[in-house]
PDB file of all heavy atoms in Angstrom:
ATOM      1  N   MET A   1       7.891  23.054 -24.243  1.00  0.00           N
ATOM      2  CA  MET A   1       7.261  22.371 -23.205  1.00  0.00           C
ATOM      3  C   MET A   1       7.833  22.673 -21.853  1.00  0.00           C
ATOM      4  O   MET A   1       8.977  23.028 -21.819  1.00  0.00           O
ATOM      5  CB  MET A   1       7.460  20.874 -23.432  1.00  0.00           C
ATOM      6  CG  MET A   1       6.730  20.296 -24.636  1.00  0.00           C
ATOM      7  SD  MET A   1       4.875  20.306 -24.429  1.00  0.00           S
ATOM      8  CE  MET A   1       4.390  20.133 -26.125  1.00  0.00           C
ATOM      9  N   PRO A   2       7.029  22.750 -20.765  1.00  0.00           N
ATOM     10  CA  PRO A   2       7.616  23.063 -19.427  1.00  0.00           C
ATOM     11  C   PRO A   2       8.522  21.995 -18.976  1.00  0.00           C
ATOM     12  O   PRO A   2       9.325  22.450 -18.118  1.00  0.00           O
ATOM     13  CB  PRO A   2       6.219  23.114 -18.585  1.00  0.00           C
ATOM     14  CG  PRO A   2       5.258  22.315 -19.285  1.00  0.00           C
ATOM     15  CD  PRO A   2       5.471  22.508 -20.761  1.00  0.00           C
ATOM     16  N   ASP A   3       8.406  20.789 -19.395  1.00  0.00           N
ATOM     17  CA  ASP A   3       9.356  19.807 -18.819  1.00  0.00           C
ATOM     18  C   ASP A   3       9.277  18.588 -19.931  1.00  0.00           C
ATOM     19  O   ASP A   3       8.444  18.537 -20.611  1.00  0.00           O
ATOM     20  CB  ASP A   3       9.069  19.352 -17.369  1.00  0.00           C
ATOM     21  CG  ASP A   3       7.658  18.969 -17.231  1.00  0.00           C
ATOM     22  OD1 ASP A   3       7.133  18.015 -17.980  1.00  0.00           O
ATOM     23  OD2 ASP A   3       6.887  19.606 -16.435  1.00  0.00           O
ATOM     24  N   GLN A   4      10.228  17.727 -19.630  1.00  0.00           N
ATOM     25  CA  GLN A   4      10.289  16.491 -20.545  1.00  0.00           C
ATOM     26  C   GLN A   4       9.071  15.599 -20.353  1.00  0.00           C
ATOM     27  O   GLN A   4       8.505  15.048 -21.312  1.00  0.00           O
ATOM     28  CB  GLN A   4      11.587  15.782 -20.130  1.00  0.00           C
ATOM     29  CG  GLN A   4      12.795  16.202 -20.779  1.00  0.00           C
ATOM     30  CD  GLN A   4      14.005  15.314 -20.632  1.00  0.00           C
ATOM     31  OE1 GLN A   4      14.185  14.716 -19.536  1.00  0.00           O
ATOM     32  NE2 GLN A   4      14.735  15.195 -21.721  1.00  0.00           N
ATOM     33  N   ALA A   5       8.554  15.476 -19.115  1.00  0.00           N
ATOM     34  CA  ALA A   5       7.417  14.640 -19.016  1.00  0.00           C
ATOM     35  C   ALA A   5       6.232  15.119 -19.615  1.00  0.00           C
ATOM     36  O   ALA A   5       5.502  14.370 -20.429  1.00  0.00           O
ATOM     37  CB  ALA A   5       6.986  14.488 -17.468  1.00  0.00           C
ATOM     38  N   THR A   6       5.994  16.399 -19.843  1.00  0.00           N
ATOM     39  CA  THR A   6       4.836  16.945 -20.499  1.00  0.00           C
ATOM     40  C   THR A   6       5.035  16.751 -22.108  1.00  0.00           C
ATOM     41  O   THR A   6       4.087  16.385 -22.744  1.00  0.00           O
ATOM     42  CB  THR A   6       4.840  18.414 -20.230  1.00  0.00           C
ATOM     43  OG1 THR A   6       4.588  18.666 -18.853  1.00  0.00           O
ATOM     44  CG2 THR A   6       3.656  19.092 -20.907  1.00  0.00           C
ATOM     45  N   GLY A   7       6.275  16.877 -22.541  1.00  0.00           N
ATOM     46  CA  GLY A   7       6.635  16.648 -23.898  1.00  0.00           C
ATOM     47  C   GLY A   7       6.363  15.157 -24.229  1.00  0.00           C
ATOM     48  O   GLY A   7       5.748  14.879 -25.348  1.00  0.00           O
ATOM     49  N   ALA A   8       6.787  14.252 -23.393  1.00  0.00           N
ATOM     50  CA  ALA A   8       6.605  12.796 -23.761  1.00  0.00           C
ATOM     51  C   ALA A   8       5.148  12.533 -23.744  1.00  0.00           C
ATOM     52  O   ALA A   8       4.628  11.705 -24.659  1.00  0.00           O
ATOM     53  CB  ALA A   8       7.349  11.968 -22.634  1.00  0.00           C
ATOM     54  N   SER A   9       4.320  13.126 -22.779  1.00  0.00           N
ATOM     55  CA  SER A   9       2.983  12.823 -22.863  1.00  0.00           C
ATOM     56  C   SER A   9       2.269  13.332 -24.027  1.00  0.00           C
ATOM     57  O   SER A   9       1.354  12.772 -24.626  1.00  0.00           O
ATOM     58  CB  SER A   9       2.298  13.463 -21.683  1.00  0.00           C
ATOM     59  OG  SER A   9       2.738  12.910 -20.383  1.00  0.00           O
ATOM     60  N   ALA A  10       2.773  14.556 -24.513  1.00  0.00           N
ATOM     61  CA  ALA A  10       2.106  15.122 -25.734  1.00  0.00           C
ATOM     62  C   ALA A  10       2.486  14.220 -26.974  1.00  0.00           C
ATOM     63  O   ALA A  10       1.768  14.118 -27.921  1.00  0.00           O
ATOM     64  CB  ALA A  10       2.656  16.492 -26.005  1.00  0.00           C
ATOM     65  N   LEU A  11       3.787  13.617 -27.026  1.00  0.00           N
ATOM     66  CA  LEU A  11       4.111  12.727 -28.030  1.00  0.00           C
ATOM     67  C   LEU A  11       3.177  11.405 -28.117  1.00  0.00           C
ATOM     68  O   LEU A  11       2.750  11.066 -29.019  1.00  0.00           O
ATOM     69  CB  LEU A  11       5.494  12.357 -27.841  1.00  0.00           C
ATOM     70  CG  LEU A  11       6.280  11.362 -28.934  1.00  0.00           C
ATOM     71  CD1 LEU A  11       6.261  11.987 -30.347  1.00  0.00           C
ATOM     72  CD2 LEU A  11       7.583  10.831 -28.544  1.00  0.00           C
ATOM     73  N   ILE A  12       2.936  10.884 -26.898  1.00  0.00           N
ATOM     74  CA  ILE A  12       2.118   9.742 -26.810  1.00  0.00           C
ATOM     75  C   ILE A  12       0.692  10.047 -27.190  1.00  0.00           C
ATOM     76  O   ILE A  12       0.059   9.209 -27.877  1.00  0.00           O
ATOM     77  CB  ILE A  12       2.201   9.124 -25.338  1.00  0.00           C
ATOM     78  CG1 ILE A  12       3.538   8.645 -24.990  1.00  0.00           C
ATOM     79  CG2 ILE A  12       1.056   8.166 -25.089  1.00  0.00           C
ATOM     80  CD1 ILE A  12       3.704   8.403 -23.538  1.00  0.00           C
ATOM     81  N   ALA A  13       0.246  11.231 -26.876  1.00  0.00           N
ATOM     82  CA  ALA A  13      -1.178  11.640 -27.344  1.00  0.00           C
ATOM     83  C   ALA A  13      -1.225  12.039 -28.777  1.00  0.00           C
ATOM     84  O   ALA A  13      -2.440  12.208 -29.232  1.00  0.00           O
ATOM     85  CB  ALA A  13      -1.603  12.821 -26.375  1.00  0.00           C
ATOM     86  N   GLY A  14      -0.112  12.054 -29.483  1.00  0.00           N
ATOM     87  CA  GLY A  14      -0.229  12.552 -30.825  1.00  0.00           C
ATOM     88  C   GLY A  14      -0.328  14.112 -30.903  1.00  0.00           C
ATOM     89  O   GLY A  14      -0.556  14.548 -32.128  1.00  0.00           O
ATOM     90  N   GLU A  15      -0.052  14.811 -29.888  1.00  0.00           N
ATOM     91  CA  GLU A  15      -0.149  16.298 -29.974  1.00  0.00           C
ATOM     92  C   GLU A  15       1.058  16.854 -30.486  1.00  0.00           C
ATOM     93  O   GLU A  15       1.144  17.981 -31.004  1.00  0.00           O
ATOM     94  CB  GLU A  15      -0.454  16.813 -28.593  1.00  0.00           C
ATOM     95  CG  GLU A  15      -1.766  16.492 -27.977  1.00  0.00           C
ATOM     96  CD  GLU A  15      -1.937  16.732 -26.545  1.00  0.00           C
ATOM     97  OE1 GLU A  15      -0.913  17.191 -25.919  1.00  0.00           O
ATOM     98  OE2 GLU A  15      -3.014  16.447 -25.948  1.00  0.00           O
ATOM     99  N   VAL A  16       2.247  16.151 -30.440  1.00  0.00           N
ATOM    100  CA  VAL A  16       3.484  16.560 -31.105  1.00  0.00           C
ATOM    101  C   VAL A  16       3.983  15.352 -31.978  1.00  0.00           C
ATOM    102  O   VAL A  16       3.593  14.178 -31.653  1.00  0.00           O
ATOM    103  CB  VAL A  16       4.692  17.111 -30.134  1.00  0.00           C
ATOM    104  CG1 VAL A  16       4.126  18.222 -29.374  1.00  0.00           C
ATOM    105  CG2 VAL A  16       4.954  15.984 -29.237  1.00  0.00           C
ATOM    106  N   ASP A  17       4.784  15.568 -32.889  1.00  0.00           N
ATOM    107  CA  ASP A  17       5.201  14.612 -33.850  1.00  0.00           C
ATOM    108  C   ASP A  17       6.578  14.094 -33.633  1.00  0.00           C
ATOM    109  O   ASP A  17       6.958  13.005 -34.102  1.00  0.00           O
ATOM    110  CB  ASP A  17       5.156  15.140 -35.356  1.00  0.00           C
ATOM    111  CG  ASP A  17       3.746  15.470 -35.728  1.00  0.00           C
ATOM    112  OD1 ASP A  17       2.822  14.587 -35.694  1.00  0.00           O
ATOM    113  OD2 ASP A  17       3.425  16.742 -35.987  1.00  0.00           O
ATOM    114  N   TYR A  18       7.423  14.771 -32.958  1.00  0.00           N
ATOM    115  CA  TYR A  18       8.698  14.637 -32.770  1.00  0.00           C
ATOM    116  C   TYR A  18       9.265  15.189 -31.345  1.00  0.00           C
ATOM    117  O   TYR A  18       8.964  16.357 -31.125  1.00  0.00           O
ATOM    118  CB  TYR A  18       9.660  15.109 -33.838  1.00  0.00           C
ATOM    119  CG  TYR A  18      11.163  15.036 -33.668  1.00  0.00           C
ATOM    120  CD1 TYR A  18      11.782  13.861 -34.257  1.00  0.00           C
ATOM    121  CD2 TYR A  18      11.821  16.027 -33.078  1.00  0.00           C
ATOM    122  CE1 TYR A  18      13.153  13.783 -34.087  1.00  0.00           C
ATOM    123  CE2 TYR A  18      13.172  15.976 -32.916  1.00  0.00           C
ATOM    124  CZ  TYR A  18      13.822  14.794 -33.448  1.00  0.00           C
ATOM    125  OH  TYR A  18      15.232  14.648 -33.303  1.00  0.00           O
ATOM    126  N   MET A  19      10.122  14.486 -30.646  1.00  0.00           N
ATOM    127  CA  MET A  19      10.618  14.958 -29.347  1.00  0.00           C
ATOM    128  C   MET A  19      12.091  14.599 -29.449  1.00  0.00           C
ATOM    129  O   MET A  19      12.348  13.469 -29.600  1.00  0.00           O
ATOM    130  CB  MET A  19       9.938  14.391 -28.244  1.00  0.00           C
ATOM    131  CG  MET A  19      10.576  14.977 -26.907  1.00  0.00           C
ATOM    132  SD  MET A  19       9.487  14.452 -25.366  1.00  0.00           S
ATOM    133  CE  MET A  19      10.396  15.115 -24.088  1.00  0.00           C
ATOM    134  N   GLN A  20      13.044  15.551 -29.366  1.00  0.00           N
ATOM    135  CA  GLN A  20      14.493  15.363 -29.489  1.00  0.00           C
ATOM    136  C   GLN A  20      15.070  14.462 -28.487  1.00  0.00           C
ATOM    137  O   GLN A  20      15.790  13.543 -28.869  1.00  0.00           O
ATOM    138  CB  GLN A  20      15.230  16.699 -29.565  1.00  0.00           C
ATOM    139  CG  GLN A  20      16.610  16.512 -29.955  1.00  0.00           C
ATOM    140  CD  GLN A  20      17.406  17.845 -29.979  1.00  0.00           C
ATOM    141  OE1 GLN A  20      16.738  18.907 -29.918  1.00  0.00           O
ATOM    142  NE2 GLN A  20      18.625  17.761 -30.215  1.00  0.00           N
ATOM    143  N   TYR A  21      14.636  14.724 -27.315  1.00  0.00           N
ATOM    144  CA  TYR A  21      15.319  13.873 -26.071  1.00  0.00           C
ATOM    145  C   TYR A  21      14.216  13.286 -25.282  1.00  0.00           C
ATOM    146  O   TYR A  21      13.462  14.053 -24.677  1.00  0.00           O
ATOM    147  CB  TYR A  21      16.242  14.733 -25.294  1.00  0.00           C
ATOM    148  CG  TYR A  21      17.442  15.282 -25.984  1.00  0.00           C
ATOM    149  CD1 TYR A  21      17.909  16.523 -25.715  1.00  0.00           C
ATOM    150  CD2 TYR A  21      18.161  14.512 -27.016  1.00  0.00           C
ATOM    151  CE1 TYR A  21      19.044  17.006 -26.302  1.00  0.00           C
ATOM    152  CE2 TYR A  21      19.121  15.065 -27.587  1.00  0.00           C
ATOM    153  CZ  TYR A  21      19.676  16.379 -27.396  1.00  0.00           C
ATOM    154  OH  TYR A  21      20.777  16.850 -27.967  1.00  0.00           O
ATOM    155  N   LEU A  22      14.039  11.971 -25.265  1.00  0.00           N
ATOM    156  CA  LEU A  22      13.040  11.358 -24.405  1.00  0.00           C
ATOM    157  C   LEU A  22      13.653  11.184 -23.020  1.00  0.00           C
ATOM    158  O   LEU A  22      14.888  10.845 -22.742  1.00  0.00           O
ATOM    159  CB  LEU A  22      12.785   9.963 -25.011  1.00  0.00           C
ATOM    160  CG  LEU A  22      12.122   9.948 -26.456  1.00  0.00           C
ATOM    161  CD1 LEU A  22      11.782   8.562 -26.954  1.00  0.00           C
ATOM    162  CD2 LEU A  22      10.947  10.932 -26.469  1.00  0.00           C
ATOM    163  N   PRO A  23      12.770  11.326 -22.043  1.00  0.00           N
ATOM    164  CA  PRO A  23      13.316  11.129 -20.641  1.00  0.00           C
ATOM    165  C   PRO A  23      13.483   9.593 -20.348  1.00  0.00           C
ATOM    166  O   PRO A  23      12.604   8.786 -20.665  1.00  0.00           O
ATOM    167  CB  PRO A  23      12.213  11.650 -19.714  1.00  0.00           C
ATOM    168  CG  PRO A  23      10.990  11.674 -20.668  1.00  0.00           C
ATOM    169  CD  PRO A  23      11.494  11.929 -21.970  1.00  0.00           C
ATOM    170  N   PHE A  24      14.470   9.313 -19.777  1.00  0.00           N
ATOM    171  CA  PHE A  24      14.937   7.830 -19.435  1.00  0.00           C
ATOM    172  C   PHE A  24      13.787   7.194 -18.597  1.00  0.00           C
ATOM    173  O   PHE A  24      13.473   5.976 -19.004  1.00  0.00           O
ATOM    174  CB  PHE A  24      16.297   7.740 -18.779  1.00  0.00           C
ATOM    175  CG  PHE A  24      17.485   8.084 -19.761  1.00  0.00           C
ATOM    176  CD1 PHE A  24      18.166   9.084 -19.472  1.00  0.00           C
ATOM    177  CD2 PHE A  24      17.718   7.407 -20.870  1.00  0.00           C
ATOM    178  CE1 PHE A  24      19.341   9.504 -20.363  1.00  0.00           C
ATOM    179  CE2 PHE A  24      18.805   7.640 -21.717  1.00  0.00           C
ATOM    180  CZ  PHE A  24      19.604   8.798 -21.404  1.00  0.00           C
ATOM    181  N   ASP A  25      13.304   7.792 -17.655  1.00  0.00           N
ATOM    182  CA  ASP A  25      12.402   7.138 -16.736  1.00  0.00           C
ATOM    183  C   ASP A  25      11.072   6.857 -17.465  1.00  0.00           C
ATOM    184  O   ASP A  25      10.272   6.057 -16.965  1.00  0.00           O
ATOM    185  CB  ASP A  25      12.192   8.011 -15.535  1.00  0.00           C
ATOM    186  CG  ASP A  25      11.557   9.284 -15.779  1.00  0.00           C
ATOM    187  OD1 ASP A  25      11.693   9.830 -16.947  1.00  0.00           O
ATOM    188  OD2 ASP A  25      11.038   9.968 -14.732  1.00  0.00           O
ATOM    189  N   LEU A  26      10.783   7.470 -18.615  1.00  0.00           N
ATOM    190  CA  LEU A  26       9.550   7.240 -19.347  1.00  0.00           C
ATOM    191  C   LEU A  26       9.762   6.280 -20.529  1.00  0.00           C
ATOM    192  O   LEU A  26       8.735   6.057 -21.252  1.00  0.00           O
ATOM    193  CB  LEU A  26       8.888   8.549 -19.720  1.00  0.00           C
ATOM    194  CG  LEU A  26       8.409   9.436 -18.463  1.00  0.00           C
ATOM    195  CD1 LEU A  26       7.726  10.679 -19.182  1.00  0.00           C
ATOM    196  CD2 LEU A  26       7.387   8.624 -17.833  1.00  0.00           C
ATOM    197  N   LEU A  27      10.874   5.839 -20.816  1.00  0.00           N
ATOM    198  CA  LEU A  27      11.139   4.925 -21.931  1.00  0.00           C
ATOM    199  C   LEU A  27      10.253   3.718 -21.939  1.00  0.00           C
ATOM    200  O   LEU A  27       9.694   3.357 -22.963  1.00  0.00           O
ATOM    201  CB  LEU A  27      12.649   4.559 -21.999  1.00  0.00           C
ATOM    202  CG  LEU A  27      13.629   5.673 -22.381  1.00  0.00           C
ATOM    203  CD1 LEU A  27      15.007   5.114 -22.553  1.00  0.00           C
ATOM    204  CD2 LEU A  27      13.150   6.391 -23.657  1.00  0.00           C
ATOM    205  N   PRO A  28      10.027   3.077 -20.776  1.00  0.00           N
ATOM    206  CA  PRO A  28       9.133   1.837 -20.938  1.00  0.00           C
ATOM    207  C   PRO A  28       7.792   2.117 -21.343  1.00  0.00           C
ATOM    208  O   PRO A  28       7.136   1.396 -22.138  1.00  0.00           O
ATOM    209  CB  PRO A  28       9.212   1.314 -19.475  1.00  0.00           C
ATOM    210  CG  PRO A  28      10.555   1.811 -18.835  1.00  0.00           C
ATOM    211  CD  PRO A  28      10.699   3.066 -19.504  1.00  0.00           C
ATOM    212  N   ARG A  29       7.271   3.254 -20.878  1.00  0.00           N
ATOM    213  CA  ARG A  29       5.984   3.667 -21.342  1.00  0.00           C
ATOM    214  C   ARG A  29       5.812   4.025 -22.803  1.00  0.00           C
ATOM    215  O   ARG A  29       4.946   3.742 -23.571  1.00  0.00           O
ATOM    216  CB  ARG A  29       5.469   4.835 -20.463  1.00  0.00           C
ATOM    217  CG  ARG A  29       4.038   5.359 -20.823  1.00  0.00           C
ATOM    218  CD  ARG A  29       3.691   6.561 -19.930  1.00  0.00           C
ATOM    219  NE  ARG A  29       2.515   7.160 -20.427  1.00  0.00           N
ATOM    220  CZ  ARG A  29       2.077   8.380 -20.059  1.00  0.00           C
ATOM    221  NH1 ARG A  29       2.937   9.207 -19.362  1.00  0.00           N
ATOM    222  NH2 ARG A  29       0.986   8.927 -20.610  1.00  0.00           N
ATOM    223  N   LEU A  30       7.045   4.791 -23.220  1.00  0.00           N
ATOM    224  CA  LEU A  30       7.113   5.154 -24.615  1.00  0.00           C
ATOM    225  C   LEU A  30       7.191   3.963 -25.530  1.00  0.00           C
ATOM    226  O   LEU A  30       6.637   3.994 -26.654  1.00  0.00           O
ATOM    227  CB  LEU A  30       8.188   6.165 -24.788  1.00  0.00           C
ATOM    228  CG  LEU A  30       7.844   7.629 -24.144  1.00  0.00           C
ATOM    229  CD1 LEU A  30       9.267   8.248 -23.875  1.00  0.00           C
ATOM    230  CD2 LEU A  30       7.053   8.410 -25.130  1.00  0.00           C
ATOM    231  N   GLU A  31       7.880   2.984 -25.209  1.00  0.00           N
ATOM    232  CA  GLU A  31       8.138   1.721 -25.930  1.00  0.00           C
ATOM    233  C   GLU A  31       6.818   1.041 -26.251  1.00  0.00           C
ATOM    234  O   GLU A  31       6.568   0.422 -27.161  1.00  0.00           O
ATOM    235  CB  GLU A  31       9.165   0.799 -25.223  1.00  0.00           C
ATOM    236  CG  GLU A  31      10.545   1.291 -25.331  1.00  0.00           C
ATOM    237  CD  GLU A  31      11.443   0.510 -24.517  1.00  0.00           C
ATOM    238  OE1 GLU A  31      11.010  -0.218 -23.497  1.00  0.00           O
ATOM    239  OE2 GLU A  31      12.725   0.423 -24.818  1.00  0.00           O
ATOM    240  N   ARG A  32       5.886   1.143 -25.186  1.00  0.00           N
ATOM    241  CA  ARG A  32       4.567   0.479 -25.280  1.00  0.00           C
ATOM    242  C   ARG A  32       3.534   1.336 -26.048  1.00  0.00           C
ATOM    243  O   ARG A  32       2.458   0.822 -26.445  1.00  0.00           O
ATOM    244  CB  ARG A  32       4.054   0.102 -23.864  1.00  0.00           C
ATOM    245  CG  ARG A  32       4.882  -0.860 -23.124  1.00  0.00           C
ATOM    246  CD  ARG A  32       4.191  -1.384 -21.903  1.00  0.00           C
ATOM    247  NE  ARG A  32       3.845  -0.244 -20.998  1.00  0.00           N
ATOM    248  CZ  ARG A  32       4.595   0.109 -20.008  1.00  0.00           C
ATOM    249  NH1 ARG A  32       5.760  -0.367 -19.754  1.00  0.00           N
ATOM    250  NH2 ARG A  32       4.221   1.242 -19.171  1.00  0.00           N
TER     251      ARG A  32
END
């Protein structure tokens, strides 16, 4: 992935199944 935000968005969308390190600033969105 080009950056963590892209990876996190792909995880939320179900395009990837696992992401090793989640970006701290996106944790609230990921929790929801």
